[in-house]
Every structure is written in C-alpha cells, then in structure tokens.
Protein backbone atom coordinates (compact mmCIF):
# COMPACT_ATOMS: atom_id res chain seq x y z
CA MET A 1 136.37 149.80 31.63
CA ARG A 2 139.11 147.31 32.32
CA THR A 3 138.66 147.91 36.01
CA GLN A 4 134.92 147.19 35.77
CA TYR A 5 135.57 144.01 33.78
CA ALA A 6 138.16 142.96 36.30
CA ARG A 7 135.76 143.55 39.19
CA ALA A 8 132.99 141.62 37.43
CA ALA A 9 135.32 138.73 36.66
CA THR A 10 136.58 138.71 40.23
CA SER A 11 133.01 138.65 41.60
CA HIS A 12 132.12 135.78 39.27
CA VAL A 13 135.17 133.83 40.36
CA VAL A 14 134.37 134.42 44.04
CA ALA A 15 130.75 133.33 43.51
CA LEU A 16 131.83 130.17 41.73
CA ALA A 17 134.35 129.45 44.48
CA LEU A 18 131.66 129.87 47.16
CA LEU A 19 129.33 127.57 45.26
CA ALA A 20 132.06 124.98 44.95
CA ILE A 21 132.84 125.22 48.65
CA VAL A 22 129.15 124.87 49.60
CA ALA A 23 128.67 121.93 47.24
CA GLY A 24 131.83 120.27 48.46
CA GLY A 25 130.85 120.81 52.08
CA THR A 26 127.39 119.38 51.44
CA LYS A 27 128.88 116.36 49.75
CA LEU A 28 131.37 115.84 52.56
CA PHE A 29 128.61 116.18 55.14
CA ALA A 30 126.47 113.65 53.28
CA GLN A 31 129.39 111.27 53.17
CA ALA A 32 130.29 111.86 56.79
CA SER A 33 126.78 111.49 58.18
CA PRO A 34 126.69 107.69 58.01
CA SER A 35 130.13 107.51 59.56
CA ARG A 36 128.73 109.12 62.69
CA ILE A 37 127.03 105.80 63.40
CA SER A 38 129.35 103.98 65.74
CA VAL A 39 129.61 100.23 66.00
CA ASP A 40 128.71 100.37 69.71
CA SER A 41 125.47 102.32 69.16
CA LEU A 42 124.55 100.03 66.29
CA ALA A 43 125.20 96.97 68.46
CA LYS A 44 122.91 98.35 71.22
CA VAL A 45 120.07 98.98 68.79
CA LEU A 46 120.41 95.55 67.23
CA ALA A 47 120.52 93.92 70.68
CA GLY A 48 117.24 95.63 71.55
CA LEU A 49 115.64 94.49 68.30
CA ARG A 50 116.73 90.90 68.87
CA GLU A 51 114.51 90.72 71.97
CA SER A 52 111.49 90.33 69.70
CA SER A 53 110.36 86.90 68.61
CA ASP A 54 110.87 87.70 64.91
CA SER A 55 114.53 88.68 64.95
CA ALA A 56 116.26 85.96 62.93
CA TRP A 57 116.74 88.35 60.00
CA ILE A 58 118.89 90.82 61.98
CA PRO A 59 122.58 90.41 61.10
CA ALA A 60 125.32 90.90 63.65
CA ALA A 61 126.77 94.38 64.07
CA SER A 62 130.08 93.18 62.64
CA LYS A 63 128.32 92.34 59.36
CA PHE A 64 127.32 95.98 58.76
CA THR A 65 129.31 98.26 56.50
CA ILE A 66 129.45 101.84 57.79
CA GLY A 67 128.43 104.28 55.08
CA ASP A 68 126.43 104.19 51.86
CA SER A 69 126.97 101.25 49.54
CA THR A 70 126.03 100.31 45.99
CA VAL A 71 125.67 96.94 44.32
CA ALA A 72 126.79 97.58 40.75
CA ALA A 73 124.75 96.53 37.76
CA ASN A 74 125.32 93.06 36.28
CA ARG A 75 126.89 91.98 39.56
CA THR A 76 125.62 89.29 41.94
CA ILE A 77 126.45 89.33 45.66
CA THR A 78 125.56 86.62 48.13
CA GLY A 79 123.60 88.07 51.04
CA PRO A 80 122.82 89.18 53.54
CA VAL A 81 124.14 92.62 52.63
CA ALA A 82 123.92 95.04 55.59
CA VAL A 83 124.95 98.69 55.57
CA ALA A 84 124.66 101.51 58.10
CA GLY A 85 123.51 104.00 55.52
CA THR A 86 121.73 103.86 52.16
CA LEU A 87 121.97 100.71 50.05
CA ASN A 88 121.54 101.16 46.29
CA VAL A 89 120.85 97.89 44.52
CA ARG A 90 121.50 97.97 40.78
CA GLY A 91 122.65 94.37 40.50
CA THR A 92 121.47 91.22 42.26
CA ILE A 93 121.63 90.27 45.94
CA ALA A 94 121.19 86.54 46.52
CA GLY A 95 119.82 86.96 50.03
CA ASP A 96 118.54 89.69 52.31
CA ALA A 97 119.27 93.42 52.09
CA VAL A 98 119.36 95.35 55.37
CA SER A 99 120.01 99.03 56.02
CA TYR A 100 120.23 101.05 59.24
CA GLY A 101 119.78 104.81 59.24
CA GLY A 102 119.17 104.82 55.48
CA ASP A 103 117.04 103.43 52.68
CA VAL A 104 117.16 100.31 50.57
CA ILE A 105 116.66 101.47 46.97
CA VAL A 106 116.25 98.78 44.31
CA HIS A 107 116.84 100.47 40.96
CA GLN A 108 115.86 99.38 37.46
CA GLY A 109 117.50 96.07 36.70
CA GLY A 110 118.25 95.39 40.37
CA ALA A 111 116.85 92.45 42.31
CA VAL A 112 116.84 91.20 45.87
CA ARG A 113 116.24 87.45 45.99
CA GLY A 114 115.50 87.53 49.72
CA ASN A 115 113.90 90.13 51.98
CA ALA A 116 114.53 93.88 52.15
CA TYR A 117 114.59 95.55 55.58
CA ALA A 118 115.19 99.21 56.45
CA ILE A 119 115.79 100.19 60.10
CA ASN A 120 114.98 103.88 60.57
CA GLY A 121 114.56 104.14 56.83
CA LYS A 122 112.35 102.87 54.01
CA VAL A 123 112.42 100.37 51.16
CA THR A 124 111.97 101.93 47.71
CA LEU A 125 111.39 99.94 44.52
CA ASP A 126 112.69 102.17 41.73
CA GLY A 127 111.96 99.69 38.97
CA GLY A 128 113.64 96.75 40.71
CA THR A 129 112.16 93.68 42.36
CA VAL A 130 112.22 92.07 45.80
CA ASP A 131 111.26 88.40 45.92
CA GLY A 132 110.66 88.30 49.69
CA ASP A 133 109.11 90.69 52.19
CA THR A 134 109.78 94.42 52.51
CA ARG A 135 109.76 95.96 55.98
CA ALA A 136 110.59 99.37 57.40
CA LEU A 137 111.17 99.78 61.15
CA GLY A 138 110.98 103.13 62.93
CA GLY A 139 110.24 104.69 66.29
CA ASP A 140 112.38 105.05 69.39
CA LEU A 141 114.98 102.35 68.80
CA ARG A 142 117.04 103.60 71.72
CA GLN A 143 115.03 101.32 74.00
CA VAL A 144 117.48 98.46 74.33
CA SER A 145 117.12 95.32 76.35
CA ALA A 146 118.48 95.36 79.89
CA ALA A 147 119.39 92.55 82.23
CA GLY A 148 116.59 90.29 83.33
CA GLY A 149 114.59 90.69 80.13
CA THR A 150 113.28 94.16 81.01
CA VAL A 151 113.32 97.14 78.66
CA ALA A 152 115.56 100.07 79.56
CA ARG A 153 113.94 103.25 78.29
CA SER A 154 115.57 106.58 77.74
CA LYS A 155 115.05 109.16 80.47
CA THR A 156 112.65 111.23 78.40
CA SER A 157 110.70 108.17 77.30
CA ALA A 158 110.51 106.83 80.87
CA MET A 159 109.27 110.19 82.18
CA ALA A 160 106.63 110.46 79.47
CA HIS A 161 105.51 106.88 80.10
CA ALA A 162 105.18 107.42 83.87
CA LEU A 163 103.27 110.70 83.46
CA ALA A 164 100.97 109.17 80.85
CA LEU A 165 100.27 106.21 83.15
CA ALA A 166 99.39 108.48 86.07
CA GLY A 167 97.21 110.64 83.83
CA GLY A 168 95.43 107.55 82.52
CA TRP A 169 94.61 106.35 86.04
CA LEU A 170 93.35 109.83 86.95
CA ALA A 171 91.07 109.88 83.91
CA VAL A 172 89.71 106.41 84.74
CA LEU A 173 88.98 107.42 88.34
CA VAL A 174 87.20 110.59 87.21
CA ILE A 175 85.03 108.60 84.80
CA VAL A 176 84.20 106.03 87.49
CA GLY A 177 83.46 108.86 89.93
CA ILE A 178 80.96 110.40 87.50
CA GLY A 179 79.21 107.05 87.24
CA VAL A 180 79.09 106.69 91.02
CA LEU A 181 77.63 110.18 91.42
CA ILE A 182 74.93 109.37 88.89
CA PHE A 183 73.93 105.88 90.04
CA ALA A 184 75.13 105.56 93.66
CA SER A 185 75.37 109.04 95.13
CA THR A 186 73.54 108.03 98.34
CA ASN A 187 76.01 105.18 98.91
CA LEU A 188 78.90 107.58 98.39
CA ASP A 189 77.37 110.00 100.91
CA ALA A 190 77.05 107.22 103.50
CA VAL A 191 80.69 106.16 103.08
CA ALA A 192 81.82 109.79 103.29
CA ASP A 193 79.81 110.23 106.51
CA ALA A 194 81.45 107.13 107.97
CA LEU A 195 84.85 108.66 107.24
CA ASP A 196 83.81 111.95 108.85
CA ARG A 197 82.65 110.20 112.01
CA GLY A 198 85.93 108.37 112.55
CA PHE A 199 88.89 108.12 110.18
CA GLY A 200 90.90 105.98 112.60
CA LYS A 201 88.04 103.55 113.07
CA ALA A 202 87.63 103.26 109.30
CA LEU A 203 91.38 102.65 108.88
CA LEU A 204 91.38 99.84 111.46
CA ALA A 205 88.30 98.32 109.85
CA GLY A 206 90.03 98.46 106.49
CA VAL A 207 93.14 96.69 107.79
CA ALA A 208 90.98 93.98 109.37
CA THR A 209 89.04 93.59 106.13
CA GLN A 210 92.23 93.21 104.11
CA ILE A 211 93.43 90.48 106.44
CA ALA A 212 90.09 88.67 106.25
CA LEU A 213 89.65 88.87 102.47
CA ALA A 214 91.59 85.71 101.58
CA PRO A 215 90.21 83.53 104.43
CA ALA A 216 86.66 84.64 103.64
CA LEU A 217 87.11 83.70 99.99
CA ALA A 218 88.55 80.32 100.98
CA LEU A 219 85.61 79.63 103.31
CA LEU A 220 83.18 80.63 100.57
CA CYS A 221 84.78 78.24 98.10
CA VAL A 222 84.84 75.38 100.65
CA GLY A 223 81.18 75.95 101.47
CA LEU A 224 80.24 75.82 97.80
CA VAL A 225 82.32 72.70 97.14
CA LEU A 226 80.52 70.82 99.92
CA THR A 227 77.26 71.11 97.99
CA ILE A 228 76.51 69.37 94.71
CA LEU A 229 75.40 72.38 92.68
CA GLY A 230 77.63 74.81 94.55
CA ALA A 231 80.81 73.28 93.12
CA LEU A 232 79.78 74.52 89.68
CA LEU A 233 79.37 78.03 91.01
CA VAL A 234 82.88 78.37 92.44
CA PRO A 235 84.36 80.25 89.42
CA PHE A 236 81.40 82.65 89.33
CA ALA A 237 81.62 83.15 93.10
CA ILE A 238 85.32 84.02 92.86
CA VAL A 239 84.69 86.56 90.10
CA ALA A 240 81.76 88.10 91.99
CA TYR A 241 83.82 88.23 95.20
CA VAL A 242 86.69 90.02 93.47
CA ILE A 243 84.33 92.48 91.78
CA ALA A 244 82.59 93.22 95.09
CA ALA A 245 85.91 93.80 96.87
CA ALA A 246 87.14 96.07 94.06
CA GLY A 247 83.85 97.95 94.16
CA LEU A 248 84.12 98.58 97.90
CA VAL A 249 87.72 99.78 97.55
CA THR A 250 86.79 102.10 94.67
CA LEU A 251 83.76 103.49 96.51
CA GLY A 252 85.85 104.16 99.61
CA TYR A 253 88.68 105.74 97.61
CA LEU A 254 86.24 108.08 95.86
CA ALA A 255 84.75 109.01 99.24
CA ILE A 256 88.24 109.85 100.51
CA ALA A 257 88.82 111.98 97.42
CA ARG A 258 85.50 113.75 97.91
CA ASN A 259 86.21 114.58 101.54
CA THR A 260 89.71 115.75 100.63
CA GLY A 261 88.43 118.05 97.91
CA ARG A 262 85.68 119.36 100.19
CA THR A 263 88.29 120.21 102.81
CA LEU A 264 90.51 122.01 100.31
CA LEU A 265 87.62 123.98 98.81
CA ASP A 266 86.12 124.61 102.27
CA ALA A 267 82.68 123.61 100.98
CA ASP A 268 79.73 122.06 102.72
CA ALA A 269 78.61 118.56 101.90
CA PRO A 270 76.67 118.82 98.63
CA ALA A 271 73.28 117.20 98.45
CA ASP A 272 71.92 115.10 95.64
CA GLY A 273 70.38 116.44 92.47
CA ALA A 274 71.02 120.17 92.30
CA HIS A 275 74.49 119.99 93.88
CA ARG A 276 75.97 117.09 91.91
CA ALA A 277 78.18 119.52 90.00
CA ALA A 278 79.66 120.71 93.30
CA ALA A 279 80.13 117.09 94.38
CA LEU A 280 81.93 116.30 91.13
CA ARG A 281 84.16 119.35 91.52
CA THR A 282 85.22 118.41 95.04
CA MET A 283 85.83 114.80 93.95
CA VAL A 284 88.01 115.85 91.00
CA TYR A 285 90.06 118.15 93.24
CA GLY A 286 90.51 115.34 95.75
CA LEU A 287 91.56 112.85 93.06
CA ILE A 288 94.13 115.30 91.73
CA VAL A 289 95.59 115.71 95.24
CA LEU A 290 95.71 111.95 95.81
CA MET A 291 97.32 111.32 92.40
CA LEU A 292 99.77 114.23 92.68
CA PRO A 293 102.53 112.10 94.31
CA TRP A 294 102.40 109.73 91.31
CA PHE A 295 102.85 112.65 88.91
CA ILE A 296 105.79 113.89 90.99
CA ALA A 297 107.34 110.41 90.95
CA GLY A 298 106.95 110.29 87.18
CA ALA A 299 108.55 113.72 86.77
CA LEU A 300 111.51 112.58 88.92
CA SER A 301 112.16 109.46 86.83
CA TRP A 302 115.45 111.02 85.69
CA SER A 303 116.80 110.50 89.22
CA PRO A 304 116.43 106.91 90.51
CA ARG A 305 116.83 107.89 94.18
CA LEU A 306 114.36 110.75 94.12
CA GLU A 307 111.93 108.64 92.11
CA LEU A 308 112.19 105.83 94.68
CA ILE A 309 111.44 108.23 97.56
CA ALA A 310 108.50 109.77 95.69
CA ARG A 311 107.08 106.36 94.77
CA ILE A 312 107.33 105.12 98.36
CA PHE A 313 105.38 108.16 99.52
CA ALA A 314 102.83 107.72 96.70
CA VAL A 315 102.32 104.03 97.51
CA SER A 316 101.94 104.78 101.21
CA LEU A 317 99.41 107.55 100.63
CA THR A 318 97.42 105.42 98.19
CA TRP A 319 97.40 102.45 100.58
CA VAL A 320 96.17 104.56 103.51
CA ALA A 321 93.45 106.17 101.40
CA ALA A 322 92.30 102.85 99.90
CA THR A 323 92.40 101.06 103.28
CA ALA A 324 90.47 103.77 105.12
CA GLY A 325 87.96 103.97 102.30
CA LEU A 326 87.51 100.20 102.33
CA GLY A 327 86.93 100.26 106.08
CA ALA A 328 84.36 103.04 105.77
CA ALA A 329 82.58 101.13 103.02
CA VAL A 330 82.47 98.00 105.18
CA VAL A 331 81.29 99.91 108.28
CA SER A 332 78.52 101.57 106.28
CA ARG A 333 77.70 98.21 104.62
CA GLY A 334 78.53 99.45 101.17
CA GLY A 335 76.87 102.78 101.76
CA VAL A 336 73.48 101.27 102.65
CA ARG A 337 73.66 102.09 106.33
CA ARG A 338 73.83 105.79 107.07
CA ALA A 339 73.72 107.29 110.52
CA ALA A 340 71.24 110.05 111.26
CA ALA A 341 72.56 113.57 111.30
CA PRO A 342 73.19 115.08 114.78
CA ALA A 343 70.74 117.92 114.11
CA THR A 344 68.02 115.41 113.27
CA GLU A 345 68.72 113.43 116.45
CA ARG A 346 68.46 116.57 118.58
CA ALA A 347 65.21 117.52 116.88
CA LEU A 348 63.78 114.08 117.58
CA ASN A 349 64.82 114.11 121.22
CA THR A 350 63.63 117.62 122.09
CA SER A 351 60.46 118.19 124.12
CA SER A 352 59.04 120.61 121.57
CA TRP A 353 57.57 117.67 119.73
CA ALA A 354 55.57 116.50 122.78
CA THR A 355 51.82 117.04 122.51
CA PRO A 356 49.11 116.75 125.11
CA THR A 357 47.38 114.13 123.01
CA PRO A 358 46.74 111.03 125.17
CA VAL A 359 47.84 107.60 124.02
CA SER A 360 44.22 106.42 124.13
CA GLY A 361 43.43 108.62 121.14
CA VAL A 362 41.10 111.13 122.78
CA THR A 363 41.43 114.52 121.22
CA ALA A 364 43.09 116.96 123.55
CA ALA A 365 41.16 120.01 124.63
CA ARG A 366 42.35 123.38 123.58
CA ARG A 367 44.37 125.06 126.26
CA PRO A 368 42.58 128.21 127.54
CA THR A 369 44.32 131.47 126.97
CA PRO A 370 44.32 133.92 129.92
CA TYR A 371 42.47 137.16 129.29
CA THR A 372 43.97 140.41 130.36
CA ALA A 373 41.80 143.50 130.33
CA SER A 374 43.37 146.72 129.29
CA VAL A 375 43.12 149.55 131.78
CA PRO A 376 42.31 152.94 130.22
CA LYS A 377 44.71 155.70 131.04
C-alpha cells in the first residue's frame, strides 16, 4: 500500500512539475517574443511608413521601448508613449500611444488624451477612453523606402506583383480579342493575311509608321490651328489620333497572336461565324506565347541579372510583334483592304469561264454534238 501511495504521490509531483515547466516556458516565450524585435528592423519599418504623407505621428525608433509595457493606474505620463509590444493603459497618457507588433489596450479608468495607433496590432477600448483617433496598420510592412523615392519590395512580393501584372495584361488582351472577333473579325482577317503575305514588309512598314507618327500629329495640329474653327478641335484631334494609333497597334498585335497560335496548333485559317471559337482558341494560344517571356521575367525577379535578361528579351519580342502588326494594319488600311485569295485569282484567270457568247448580246447557238452509230457485233 505504501508503495502504491508513493508511486501516486511521485506521479502527482512529476505532473505538477511538468505543468510548472510548461507554464514557465510559455511565460518566458511570451516575454521573449517582443524582445525578438530588433532596433534595426523597427527602424526600417518606420522609415518605410514615413514615406507616406500622413507620417507625423510616427515616433523615432529610439523612442520605442522593446517589450510589453503598462501605464499604472492613477499615474499620468506625458506622451508619446511608444512600445514594441503590447501597451496596457490603466492610467493616463497625455499624448499619443503607439505600439508595434502588439496591441494598445485602454483598460477601465485609463485614458489617452491624444491618438492611439497600433502597427501590426489593434486598439482595444476595455472601458477606457481615447480622445483622439484610433488607427490600426497592417499588411506587408517589410516594403521599406529605397533610394530615389522608390519602394523596395521583398522578393516574394516583387515576384507576385510581376506575375499579377503580366496576368492582368493577358486577361485584358483576351477580352479585347473577344471584342475584335465579334465586331471586327473581317478586319482582323485582312491584317492577318497581310502578315502572311510578307512579315518583313509589314515590319518595315511598322518602323516607318512609328517614325512618322509624331510628325503626322504635328502636321495635323498645325493644319487645324491655321483655320478658325479647327483650333478648337485640336484637343479632340489629338485624342482621336492617339486612339486610332492604339487601335491599329492592338489590331496588329492580335493578328500576330492569331497567326502564332494557328502555327502552333497547325490549324487552317478559321472563317467567320461557325469557326469563331477556333479563331478565339488560336488567338488565346498566341497571346499566351507572346506573354510567356513576361511571366518568365516575373518568376526570375529573385535574380536581378536573370530578370534583366528575360525582360530585355520580352521587350524585344513585344516590340517586334507590335511593330509588325502595326505595319500590317497600315498596309491593309486598318483591315479594310484585303487581297484576293490565290485560288480565287486562278479561277478568275482560267479559260474555263470563257463562253461563246458574243459581246453584242446575241445568244450563242448550241454546239452540235457528233453522232456515232453503234455497229452491231
């Protein structure tokens, strides 16, 4: 019996010791967590926050106290009071209360005569009062300001931003392509045919058009200014000119994408109406291929050198595609002029269409058919 009691007492003592160790470790961890915030990391975050226009409330990093802090009851402290942890206000703060990585808790009987701010935390009114504003800031505060006023993102954030940007442009192009297939499919076919007839010719025409864009706009504006009513139309003419140029570039780029997708899928040129789904499929495939270098550049944002090489290739490919498409759109006059198909030209030029009908309009006589008598065997 004594042995059983001894074993039970020993087990109880061991259990209590384990509970004490766990509770002590939890308490030590809770106390040590705020101390993991270094002054350097806090200074970087605060420097990034100060780039905003409303940053006068942010104290200097040297003003922060590392760890949780409490303002005792019936005590008044002149603010601002800044802690890198949780701030419990049971007394009075004559100024602002700021916390980083923790909460600002205003308990019963506590008061903040200024504003209460929590960076990566929240402001809780547990019976207390705050005379000013309450604000809680969150999100990716690792984006700190870099030299030249730009924002230096983390590698993961920069990669996600680049991939999202490329995906957004791809979605916009697909939506525009659907609209072109619905409302201007014949124009798209004409531009695509111009590219098939001569890619080099379309590229040269595109380069020449790019060079002539600014002089043509200047001549248009000068011509309008020379007239009385035309001077009032200069802003509208500039807007219309820019929209027309952007429309030609977009139409040509979509034609390039369509021809690229048709080559990859090894499909014939789809006609209007019944084959618009096939046309859309080839266009989407082509757009994905043309936008693929931008996705690769975004995925390589963790390496500045590889990203630079990928972006140079992506910019070059996009410029060639847009320039050739612009040239094809100009050669085909915006898709209005479309050359006849070679098979149609051969059919028109063949002698099988010649008839013995005279030009004077006299009906031609029926050609006699030779009669051949069968010889009985």
